[in-house]
């Protein structure tokens, strides 16, 4: 029961984090396209800052429950099973998650740079860049479901 609760909470917080990962670049696209409108730009920057903070909080919670699922069996063997064993799919998954986190931090830095008056990449470039986490998350989902190695 505890294992399924931890797993459910992990999935919930990952979904919430993914919402931020996928939407923050859209806010950046809108900011790039609203360069001449200070009121719109200010609203988008506020939305972006709030979303970035929300995303970090959700990542932190997903991380805590994910860590408990991954290594919790060491501390609570009667409650949490060893779900990865000697499998190496988890190594690939964690590498991809680290790349998604790096992408999220990079988009946050773009947001902060824009707030300080810096320039953003073109809206077209930002639209293409927005597709990167989709591919990474697709690979993560495949690894979790298929456990190919």
N, C-alpha and C. Protein backbone atom coordinates (compact mmCIF):
# COMPACT_ATOMS: atom_id res chain seq x y z
N UNK A 1 0.82 -1.20 0.00
CA UNK A 1 0.00 0.00 0.00
C UNK A 1 0.86 1.26 0.00
N UNK A 2 1.88 1.29 0.86
CA UNK A 2 2.76 2.46 0.91
C UNK A 2 3.49 2.65 -0.41
N UNK A 3 3.93 1.55 -1.01
CA UNK A 3 4.64 1.62 -2.29
C UNK A 3 3.75 2.27 -3.35
N UNK A 4 2.51 1.84 -3.45
CA UNK A 4 1.60 2.39 -4.45
C UNK A 4 1.28 3.85 -4.17
N UNK A 5 1.18 4.22 -2.91
CA UNK A 5 0.95 5.63 -2.56
C UNK A 5 2.14 6.48 -2.98
N UNK A 6 3.35 6.03 -2.67
CA UNK A 6 4.56 6.76 -3.07
C UNK A 6 4.65 6.87 -4.58
N UNK A 7 4.35 5.78 -5.27
CA UNK A 7 4.40 5.78 -6.73
C UNK A 7 3.37 6.74 -7.31
N UNK A 8 2.18 6.75 -6.75
CA UNK A 8 1.12 7.66 -7.21
C UNK A 8 1.52 9.11 -6.99
N UNK A 9 2.07 9.40 -5.83
CA UNK A 9 2.49 10.78 -5.55
C UNK A 9 3.64 11.19 -6.47
N UNK A 10 4.56 10.27 -6.72
CA UNK A 10 5.67 10.57 -7.63
C UNK A 10 5.13 10.92 -9.02
N UNK A 11 4.21 10.11 -9.52
CA UNK A 11 3.64 10.36 -10.85
C UNK A 11 2.88 11.69 -10.87
N UNK A 12 2.11 11.98 -9.83
CA UNK A 12 1.38 13.24 -9.74
C UNK A 12 2.31 14.45 -9.83
N UNK A 13 3.38 14.42 -9.04
CA UNK A 13 4.29 15.56 -9.03
C UNK A 13 5.12 15.65 -10.31
N UNK A 14 5.40 14.52 -10.93
CA UNK A 14 6.08 14.55 -12.23
C UNK A 14 5.17 15.20 -13.27
N UNK A 15 3.89 14.85 -13.25
CA UNK A 15 2.95 15.46 -14.20
C UNK A 15 2.89 16.97 -13.99
N UNK A 16 2.82 17.40 -12.75
CA UNK A 16 2.78 18.83 -12.46
C UNK A 16 4.06 19.52 -12.92
N UNK A 17 5.21 18.87 -12.70
CA UNK A 17 6.47 19.46 -13.16
C UNK A 17 6.50 19.54 -14.68
N UNK A 18 6.02 18.49 -15.35
CA UNK A 18 6.00 18.48 -16.82
C UNK A 18 5.12 19.60 -17.36
N UNK A 19 4.05 19.93 -16.66
CA UNK A 19 3.21 21.05 -17.10
C UNK A 19 4.06 22.33 -17.15
N UNK A 20 4.88 22.54 -16.13
CA UNK A 20 5.74 23.72 -16.10
C UNK A 20 6.83 23.63 -17.17
N UNK A 21 7.42 22.44 -17.33
CA UNK A 21 8.47 22.26 -18.33
C UNK A 21 7.95 22.55 -19.74
N UNK A 22 6.73 22.11 -20.02
CA UNK A 22 6.16 22.29 -21.36
C UNK A 22 5.61 23.70 -21.57
N UNK A 23 5.13 24.36 -20.51
CA UNK A 23 4.47 25.66 -20.70
C UNK A 23 5.41 26.85 -20.60
N UNK A 24 6.47 26.75 -19.82
CA UNK A 24 7.39 27.89 -19.68
C UNK A 24 7.96 28.33 -21.02
N UNK A 25 8.37 27.44 -21.91
CA UNK A 25 8.85 27.90 -23.22
C UNK A 25 7.77 28.61 -24.04
N UNK A 26 6.50 28.23 -23.85
CA UNK A 26 5.41 28.93 -24.55
C UNK A 26 5.30 30.37 -24.05
N UNK A 27 5.51 30.56 -22.76
CA UNK A 27 5.52 31.93 -22.22
C UNK A 27 6.68 32.69 -22.83
N UNK A 28 7.84 32.05 -22.98
CA UNK A 28 8.99 32.71 -23.60
C UNK A 28 8.69 33.08 -25.05
N UNK A 29 7.99 32.21 -25.78
CA UNK A 29 7.60 32.52 -27.17
C UNK A 29 6.73 33.76 -27.17
N UNK A 30 5.75 33.81 -26.29
CA UNK A 30 4.87 34.98 -26.22
C UNK A 30 5.64 36.23 -25.83
N UNK A 31 6.62 36.09 -24.96
CA UNK A 31 7.44 37.24 -24.58
C UNK A 31 8.25 37.74 -25.77
N UNK A 32 8.80 36.83 -26.55
CA UNK A 32 9.58 37.22 -27.72
C UNK A 32 8.70 37.94 -28.74
N UNK A 33 7.43 37.54 -28.82
CA UNK A 33 6.52 38.16 -29.78
C UNK A 33 5.89 39.44 -29.26
N UNK A 34 5.96 39.69 -27.94
CA UNK A 34 5.37 40.89 -27.34
C UNK A 34 6.43 41.89 -26.93
N UNK A 35 7.53 41.92 -27.66
CA UNK A 35 8.66 42.78 -27.27
C UNK A 35 8.28 44.26 -27.20
N UNK A 36 7.35 44.72 -28.03
CA UNK A 36 7.00 46.14 -28.04
C UNK A 36 5.87 46.52 -27.12
N UNK A 37 5.36 45.59 -26.34
CA UNK A 37 4.22 45.85 -25.47
C UNK A 37 4.61 45.65 -24.01
N UNK A 38 4.99 46.73 -23.31
CA UNK A 38 5.50 46.59 -21.94
C UNK A 38 4.50 45.97 -20.96
N UNK A 39 3.22 46.29 -21.08
CA UNK A 39 2.23 45.75 -20.14
C UNK A 39 2.08 44.24 -20.33
N UNK A 40 2.04 43.80 -21.57
CA UNK A 40 1.92 42.37 -21.87
C UNK A 40 3.19 41.66 -21.42
N UNK A 41 4.32 42.26 -21.69
CA UNK A 41 5.60 41.67 -21.30
C UNK A 41 5.71 41.52 -19.79
N UNK A 42 5.26 42.54 -19.05
CA UNK A 42 5.31 42.47 -17.59
C UNK A 42 4.42 41.35 -17.07
N UNK A 43 3.24 41.18 -17.65
CA UNK A 43 2.32 40.12 -17.23
C UNK A 43 2.93 38.75 -17.52
N UNK A 44 3.52 38.60 -18.70
CA UNK A 44 4.14 37.33 -19.07
C UNK A 44 5.33 37.00 -18.17
N UNK A 45 6.11 38.02 -17.81
CA UNK A 45 7.24 37.78 -16.91
C UNK A 45 6.77 37.33 -15.54
N UNK A 46 5.68 37.94 -15.06
CA UNK A 46 5.12 37.53 -13.78
C UNK A 46 4.62 36.08 -13.85
N UNK A 47 3.90 35.76 -14.92
CA UNK A 47 3.42 34.39 -15.10
C UNK A 47 4.60 33.41 -15.17
N UNK A 48 5.63 33.80 -15.90
CA UNK A 48 6.80 32.94 -16.04
C UNK A 48 7.50 32.69 -14.72
N UNK A 49 7.68 33.76 -13.93
CA UNK A 49 8.34 33.60 -12.62
C UNK A 49 7.53 32.67 -11.71
N UNK A 50 6.23 32.85 -11.69
CA UNK A 50 5.38 32.00 -10.85
C UNK A 50 5.41 30.55 -11.32
N UNK A 51 5.36 30.35 -12.63
CA UNK A 51 5.39 29.00 -13.18
C UNK A 51 6.73 28.33 -12.91
N UNK A 52 7.81 29.09 -13.03
CA UNK A 52 9.15 28.55 -12.78
C UNK A 52 9.28 28.10 -11.32
N UNK A 53 8.79 28.92 -10.40
CA UNK A 53 8.83 28.55 -8.98
C UNK A 53 7.97 27.31 -8.72
N UNK A 54 6.77 27.29 -9.29
CA UNK A 54 5.89 26.14 -9.16
C UNK A 54 6.58 24.88 -9.69
N UNK A 55 7.21 25.00 -10.86
CA UNK A 55 7.90 23.86 -11.46
C UNK A 55 9.01 23.33 -10.57
N UNK A 56 9.77 24.24 -9.97
CA UNK A 56 10.85 23.79 -9.08
C UNK A 56 10.28 23.08 -7.85
N UNK A 57 9.19 23.60 -7.31
CA UNK A 57 8.58 22.94 -6.15
C UNK A 57 8.08 21.54 -6.52
N UNK A 58 7.45 21.43 -7.67
CA UNK A 58 6.93 20.13 -8.11
C UNK A 58 8.07 19.16 -8.41
N UNK A 59 9.16 19.66 -8.99
CA UNK A 59 10.32 18.79 -9.22
C UNK A 59 10.86 18.28 -7.89
N UNK A 60 10.96 19.16 -6.91
CA UNK A 60 11.47 18.75 -5.60
C UNK A 60 10.65 17.65 -4.98
N UNK A 61 9.33 17.77 -5.05
CA UNK A 61 8.46 16.73 -4.50
C UNK A 61 8.55 15.44 -5.31
N UNK A 62 8.59 15.57 -6.63
CA UNK A 62 8.75 14.37 -7.48
C UNK A 62 10.08 13.69 -7.18
N UNK A 63 11.12 14.48 -6.96
CA UNK A 63 12.44 13.94 -6.64
C UNK A 63 12.42 13.16 -5.33
N UNK A 64 11.79 13.73 -4.32
CA UNK A 64 11.74 13.07 -3.00
C UNK A 64 11.04 11.72 -3.11
N UNK A 65 9.88 11.69 -3.76
CA UNK A 65 9.16 10.42 -3.88
C UNK A 65 9.86 9.46 -4.83
N UNK A 66 10.49 9.99 -5.87
CA UNK A 66 11.26 9.13 -6.77
C UNK A 66 12.46 8.52 -6.08
N UNK A 67 13.13 9.31 -5.26
CA UNK A 67 14.26 8.79 -4.49
C UNK A 67 13.81 7.70 -3.52
N UNK A 68 12.67 7.92 -2.89
CA UNK A 68 12.13 6.90 -1.98
C UNK A 68 11.80 5.62 -2.74
N UNK A 69 11.27 5.75 -3.94
CA UNK A 69 10.96 4.55 -4.73
C UNK A 69 12.22 3.84 -5.19
N UNK A 70 13.24 4.62 -5.52
CA UNK A 70 14.47 4.06 -6.06
C UNK A 70 15.33 3.42 -4.97
N UNK A 71 15.50 4.15 -3.88
CA UNK A 71 16.43 3.70 -2.83
C UNK A 71 15.76 3.41 -1.49
N UNK A 72 14.45 3.60 -1.41
CA UNK A 72 13.75 3.42 -0.14
C UNK A 72 13.84 2.03 0.43
N UNK A 73 13.99 1.04 -0.43
CA UNK A 73 14.09 -0.34 0.05
C UNK A 73 15.29 -0.54 0.98
N UNK A 74 16.29 0.31 0.85
CA UNK A 74 17.47 0.20 1.73
C UNK A 74 17.12 0.58 3.16
N UNK A 75 16.21 1.56 3.32
CA UNK A 75 15.85 2.05 4.65
C UNK A 75 14.59 1.38 5.20
N UNK A 76 13.67 1.05 4.31
CA UNK A 76 12.40 0.45 4.73
C UNK A 76 12.11 -0.79 3.89
N UNK A 77 12.89 -1.88 4.06
CA UNK A 77 12.72 -3.05 3.20
C UNK A 77 11.36 -3.74 3.34
N UNK A 78 10.71 -3.58 4.47
CA UNK A 78 9.40 -4.23 4.64
C UNK A 78 8.28 -3.45 3.97
N UNK A 79 8.51 -2.18 3.66
CA UNK A 79 7.47 -1.32 3.08
C UNK A 79 7.70 -1.09 1.59
N UNK A 80 8.95 -0.82 1.22
CA UNK A 80 9.27 -0.46 -0.17
C UNK A 80 10.14 -1.53 -0.81
N UNK A 81 9.70 -2.11 -1.92
CA UNK A 81 10.51 -3.14 -2.59
C UNK A 81 11.63 -2.53 -3.41
N UNK A 82 12.59 -3.35 -3.77
CA UNK A 82 13.66 -2.93 -4.67
C UNK A 82 13.11 -3.03 -6.10
N UNK A 83 12.73 -1.88 -6.67
CA UNK A 83 12.04 -1.89 -7.96
C UNK A 83 12.99 -1.93 -9.16
N UNK A 84 14.25 -1.62 -8.95
CA UNK A 84 15.18 -1.59 -10.08
C UNK A 84 16.11 -2.79 -10.13
N UNK A 85 16.41 -3.37 -8.99
CA UNK A 85 17.31 -4.52 -8.96
C UNK A 85 18.62 -4.19 -9.65
N UNK A 86 19.06 -5.10 -10.52
CA UNK A 86 20.31 -4.90 -11.25
C UNK A 86 20.06 -4.30 -12.63
N UNK A 87 18.87 -3.77 -12.85
CA UNK A 87 18.53 -3.20 -14.16
C UNK A 87 19.27 -1.90 -14.39
N UNK A 88 19.51 -1.61 -15.66
CA UNK A 88 20.21 -0.36 -16.00
C UNK A 88 19.31 0.64 -16.71
N UNK A 89 18.04 0.29 -16.91
CA UNK A 89 17.12 1.26 -17.51
C UNK A 89 17.00 2.49 -16.62
N UNK A 90 17.11 2.29 -15.30
CA UNK A 90 16.98 3.41 -14.37
C UNK A 90 18.11 4.42 -14.56
N UNK A 91 19.30 3.93 -14.92
CA UNK A 91 20.42 4.85 -15.16
C UNK A 91 20.14 5.74 -16.37
N UNK A 92 19.61 5.13 -17.42
CA UNK A 92 19.26 5.91 -18.61
C UNK A 92 18.13 6.88 -18.30
N UNK A 93 17.15 6.42 -17.53
CA UNK A 93 16.03 7.28 -17.17
C UNK A 93 16.51 8.49 -16.38
N UNK A 94 17.34 8.26 -15.37
CA UNK A 94 17.83 9.36 -14.55
C UNK A 94 18.69 10.34 -15.35
N UNK A 95 19.43 9.83 -16.32
CA UNK A 95 20.21 10.70 -17.21
C UNK A 95 19.29 11.60 -18.01
N UNK A 96 18.22 11.03 -18.55
CA UNK A 96 17.26 11.84 -19.32
C UNK A 96 16.53 12.84 -18.42
N UNK A 97 16.19 12.44 -17.22
CA UNK A 97 15.55 13.36 -16.28
C UNK A 97 16.49 14.52 -15.95
N UNK A 98 17.78 14.22 -15.80
CA UNK A 98 18.76 15.29 -15.55
C UNK A 98 18.82 16.26 -16.73
N UNK A 99 18.70 15.73 -17.95
CA UNK A 99 18.68 16.60 -19.14
C UNK A 99 17.42 17.46 -19.16
N UNK A 100 16.28 16.90 -18.79
CA UNK A 100 15.04 17.69 -18.73
C UNK A 100 15.18 18.77 -17.66
N UNK A 101 15.77 18.43 -16.53
CA UNK A 101 15.98 19.43 -15.47
C UNK A 101 16.92 20.53 -15.96
N UNK A 102 17.98 20.17 -16.65
CA UNK A 102 18.91 21.17 -17.19
C UNK A 102 18.18 22.08 -18.19
N UNK A 103 17.33 21.51 -19.01
CA UNK A 103 16.53 22.29 -19.95
C UNK A 103 15.62 23.27 -19.20
N UNK A 104 14.97 22.78 -18.14
CA UNK A 104 14.07 23.63 -17.36
C UNK A 104 14.83 24.78 -16.71
N UNK A 105 15.99 24.49 -16.16
CA UNK A 105 16.82 25.55 -15.55
C UNK A 105 17.25 26.55 -16.62
N UNK A 106 17.61 26.07 -17.80
CA UNK A 106 18.01 26.95 -18.90
C UNK A 106 16.87 27.88 -19.31
N UNK A 107 15.65 27.34 -19.41
CA UNK A 107 14.51 28.21 -19.75
C UNK A 107 14.26 29.22 -18.64
N UNK A 108 14.48 28.82 -17.40
CA UNK A 108 14.37 29.77 -16.29
C UNK A 108 15.40 30.88 -16.38
N UNK A 109 16.59 30.54 -16.81
CA UNK A 109 17.63 31.57 -16.99
C UNK A 109 17.29 32.51 -18.13
N UNK A 110 16.68 31.96 -19.18
CA UNK A 110 16.21 32.83 -20.27
C UNK A 110 15.17 33.82 -19.74
N UNK A 111 14.29 33.33 -18.90
CA UNK A 111 13.26 34.18 -18.30
C UNK A 111 13.89 35.28 -17.47
N UNK A 112 14.86 34.91 -16.63
CA UNK A 112 15.53 35.90 -15.78
C UNK A 112 16.33 36.90 -16.61
N UNK A 113 16.99 36.43 -17.66
CA UNK A 113 17.74 37.32 -18.54
C UNK A 113 16.81 38.31 -19.22
N UNK A 114 15.66 37.85 -19.65
CA UNK A 114 14.68 38.72 -20.28
C UNK A 114 14.18 39.78 -19.31
N UNK A 115 13.95 39.39 -18.06
CA UNK A 115 13.47 40.33 -17.05
C UNK A 115 14.49 41.44 -16.79
N UNK A 116 15.77 41.13 -17.00
CA UNK A 116 16.83 42.13 -16.80
C UNK A 116 17.09 42.95 -18.05
N UNK A 117 16.27 42.75 -19.08
CA UNK A 117 16.41 43.51 -20.31
C UNK A 117 17.19 42.81 -21.40
N UNK A 118 17.60 41.58 -21.16
CA UNK A 118 18.32 40.81 -22.17
C UNK A 118 17.40 40.35 -23.28
N UNK A 119 18.01 39.90 -24.35
CA UNK A 119 17.21 39.45 -25.49
C UNK A 119 16.96 37.94 -25.40
N UNK A 120 15.87 37.55 -26.00
CA UNK A 120 15.51 36.14 -26.12
C UNK A 120 15.83 35.66 -27.52
N UNK A 121 15.99 34.36 -27.70
CA UNK A 121 16.06 33.84 -29.07
C UNK A 121 14.76 34.18 -29.81
N UNK A 122 14.76 34.03 -31.11
CA UNK A 122 13.56 34.33 -31.89
C UNK A 122 12.42 33.41 -31.47
N UNK A 123 11.19 33.86 -31.73
CA UNK A 123 10.04 33.04 -31.36
C UNK A 123 10.05 31.72 -32.13
N UNK A 124 10.55 31.76 -33.36
CA UNK A 124 10.64 30.53 -34.15
C UNK A 124 11.63 29.54 -33.50
N UNK A 125 12.78 30.04 -33.09
CA UNK A 125 13.77 29.18 -32.42
C UNK A 125 13.20 28.63 -31.11
N UNK A 126 12.50 29.47 -30.38
CA UNK A 126 11.91 29.01 -29.12
C UNK A 126 10.85 27.94 -29.35
N UNK A 127 10.12 28.06 -30.45
CA UNK A 127 9.12 27.04 -30.77
C UNK A 127 9.79 25.69 -31.03
N UNK A 128 10.90 25.71 -31.74
CA UNK A 128 11.64 24.46 -32.01
C UNK A 128 12.24 23.90 -30.73
N UNK A 129 12.80 24.79 -29.93
CA UNK A 129 13.42 24.37 -28.66
C UNK A 129 12.37 23.76 -27.73
N UNK A 130 11.13 24.20 -27.86
CA UNK A 130 10.03 23.71 -27.04
C UNK A 130 9.77 22.22 -27.27
N UNK A 131 10.23 21.67 -28.38
CA UNK A 131 9.98 20.26 -28.69
C UNK A 131 10.98 19.32 -28.02
N UNK A 132 12.11 19.85 -27.57
CA UNK A 132 13.16 19.02 -26.97
C UNK A 132 12.65 18.22 -25.76
N UNK A 133 11.97 18.85 -24.79
CA UNK A 133 11.55 18.06 -23.63
C UNK A 133 10.50 17.00 -23.98
N UNK A 134 9.72 17.23 -25.02
CA UNK A 134 8.72 16.23 -25.43
C UNK A 134 9.44 14.93 -25.81
N UNK A 135 10.50 15.06 -26.59
CA UNK A 135 11.25 13.88 -27.02
C UNK A 135 11.94 13.20 -25.84
N UNK A 136 12.50 14.00 -24.95
CA UNK A 136 13.16 13.43 -23.78
C UNK A 136 12.17 12.69 -22.88
N UNK A 137 11.02 13.30 -22.66
CA UNK A 137 10.01 12.68 -21.80
C UNK A 137 9.44 11.42 -22.45
N UNK A 138 9.29 11.43 -23.76
CA UNK A 138 8.85 10.23 -24.46
C UNK A 138 9.83 9.09 -24.22
N UNK A 139 11.12 9.39 -24.29
CA UNK A 139 12.13 8.37 -24.02
C UNK A 139 12.06 7.88 -22.57
N UNK A 140 11.82 8.79 -21.64
CA UNK A 140 11.69 8.40 -20.23
C UNK A 140 10.50 7.46 -20.05
N UNK A 141 9.37 7.81 -20.65
CA UNK A 141 8.17 6.97 -20.54
C UNK A 141 8.44 5.58 -21.11
N UNK A 142 9.10 5.54 -22.26
CA UNK A 142 9.43 4.25 -22.86
C UNK A 142 10.31 3.41 -21.92
N UNK A 143 11.32 4.04 -21.34
CA UNK A 143 12.21 3.31 -20.43
C UNK A 143 11.47 2.77 -19.22
N UNK A 144 10.57 3.55 -18.66
CA UNK A 144 9.83 3.13 -17.49
C UNK A 144 8.87 1.98 -17.82
N UNK A 145 8.22 2.06 -18.96
CA UNK A 145 7.25 1.03 -19.32
C UNK A 145 7.92 -0.24 -19.83
N UNK A 146 8.87 -0.08 -20.76
CA UNK A 146 9.48 -1.26 -21.42
C UNK A 146 10.62 -1.88 -20.62
N UNK A 147 11.33 -1.06 -19.85
CA UNK A 147 12.51 -1.53 -19.10
C UNK A 147 13.38 -2.41 -20.01
N UNK A 148 13.90 -1.83 -21.10
CA UNK A 148 14.57 -2.64 -22.14
C UNK A 148 15.90 -3.24 -21.72
N UNK A 149 16.53 -2.73 -20.69
CA UNK A 149 17.82 -3.30 -20.28
C UNK A 149 18.02 -3.12 -18.79
